[in-house]
Amino acid sequence: MEPEKIDQKDREIITELISNSRQTVGQLAKKIGMPPTTIHNRIKKLEQHGIIRNYTAEIDYKKLGRPVMAYIGITVNYNVEGRKIKQPEIARQIKKLEGVREVTILTGGLDIIVKVMAKDIDDLNEIVTEKLRDIDGVDKTQTMIVLTQV
């Protein structure tokens, strides 16, 4: 399915599912003004074409004991002990660390940015200084603690 083949109704369905993926087809049909069968068929087509890849839950990490959110910018050293380091290799290692929620490879001043949910500042310190910095190729880190999300 090409982007130009997605019409305004498909976009409305996608927008609604982004805001709440637990909505029933009936609820979507009422909001969008289409029959439930049509909504169902459109969603199935969006899934089959890989436009809708997954349905996720929004988690309250504070209630799970991980209230400290931080973004960690990483600069990569691509040559460690005579071997070539690749960003995807480092990203996969980072993704395995406890507390890591997202790992994104970038262009620009930073090579990788990591979203972390930590138990407290001490836990964040351990993630950065003892875990991230021990990964071959992680050269510099810049930690930005989130104060609030809007």
Foldseek 3Di string as FASTA:
>chain_A
DDPVPQDPLLVLLVVVCVVPVPDQLVVSCVVSVHDSVVSVVSVVVCCVVPVDPDRDDDDDVVVVLQAWKKKKFFAFDQADPRHGDDPVVLQVQLCPDPQWDDWDADDDPGGIMTIGGHNDVVRVCCCPPPPSVPDHGGDDMDMDIDPDDD
